[in-house]
């Protein structure tokens, strides 16, 4: 199975999280609600990344058997 798409998606998630982290560090959030929203997006992206990596591990394990 071609797994490159997982790597590309993982990289895109990392880039988006880094962009959001940079924005938070630069004080881009207009108010606390905006800050919380940005943190929620980061949390969601990290959760998706965890699920993606878990799925990838399962696929690789199945391929090894």
Protein backbone atom coordinates (compact mmCIF):
# COMPACT_ATOMS: atom_id res chain seq x y z
CA UNK A 1 0.00 0.00 0.00
CA UNK A 2 1.22 3.50 -0.84
CA UNK A 3 1.78 5.23 2.49
CA UNK A 4 3.17 8.52 1.20
CA UNK A 5 -0.20 10.21 1.64
CA UNK A 6 0.07 9.60 5.40
CA UNK A 7 3.45 11.32 5.46
CA UNK A 8 2.15 14.27 3.45
CA UNK A 9 -0.92 14.66 5.66
CA UNK A 10 1.18 14.35 8.81
CA UNK A 11 3.54 17.05 7.53
CA UNK A 12 0.65 19.37 6.63
CA UNK A 13 -0.83 18.96 10.12
CA UNK A 14 2.58 19.74 11.67
CA UNK A 15 2.93 22.86 9.55
CA UNK A 16 -0.53 24.11 10.49
CA UNK A 17 0.10 23.51 14.20
CA UNK A 18 3.44 25.35 13.95
CA UNK A 19 1.72 28.27 12.22
CA UNK A 20 -0.91 28.46 14.94
CA UNK A 21 1.69 28.16 17.70
CA UNK A 22 3.67 30.97 16.11
CA UNK A 23 0.58 33.13 15.89
CA UNK A 24 -0.20 32.50 19.55
CA UNK A 25 3.37 33.38 20.54
CA UNK A 26 3.17 36.57 18.48
CA UNK A 27 0.00 37.61 20.30
CA UNK A 28 -2.27 37.47 17.27
CA UNK A 29 -5.31 36.42 19.30
CA UNK A 30 -7.71 39.38 19.59
CA UNK A 31 -9.16 38.25 22.89
CA UNK A 32 -9.44 35.27 25.19
CA UNK A 33 -12.18 33.65 23.09
CA UNK A 34 -9.96 33.88 20.00
CA UNK A 35 -7.07 32.40 21.99
CA UNK A 36 -9.22 29.52 23.21
CA UNK A 37 -10.44 28.90 19.68
CA UNK A 38 -6.91 28.70 18.34
CA UNK A 39 -5.94 26.33 21.14
CA UNK A 40 -8.97 24.19 20.29
CA UNK A 41 -7.88 23.97 16.66
CA UNK A 42 -4.40 22.88 17.75
CA UNK A 43 -5.89 20.27 20.07
CA UNK A 44 -8.12 18.95 17.28
CA UNK A 45 -5.24 18.77 14.83
CA UNK A 46 -3.07 16.91 17.33
CA UNK A 47 -5.92 14.48 18.03
CA UNK A 48 -6.34 13.86 14.29
CA UNK A 49 -2.58 13.38 13.98
CA UNK A 50 -2.60 10.84 16.81
CA UNK A 51 -5.42 8.90 15.14
CA UNK A 52 -3.64 9.07 11.78
CA UNK A 53 -0.40 7.74 13.25
CA UNK A 54 -2.27 4.99 15.10
CA UNK A 55 -3.93 3.92 11.85
CA UNK A 56 -0.58 3.99 10.06
CA UNK A 57 0.98 1.76 12.74
CA UNK A 58 -1.87 -0.73 12.36
CA UNK A 59 -1.49 -0.80 8.58
CA UNK A 60 2.26 -1.34 8.85
CA UNK A 61 1.76 -4.11 11.42
CA UNK A 62 -0.74 -5.85 9.11
CA UNK A 63 1.72 -5.58 6.22
CA UNK A 64 4.47 -7.15 8.32
CA UNK A 65 2.38 -10.21 9.15
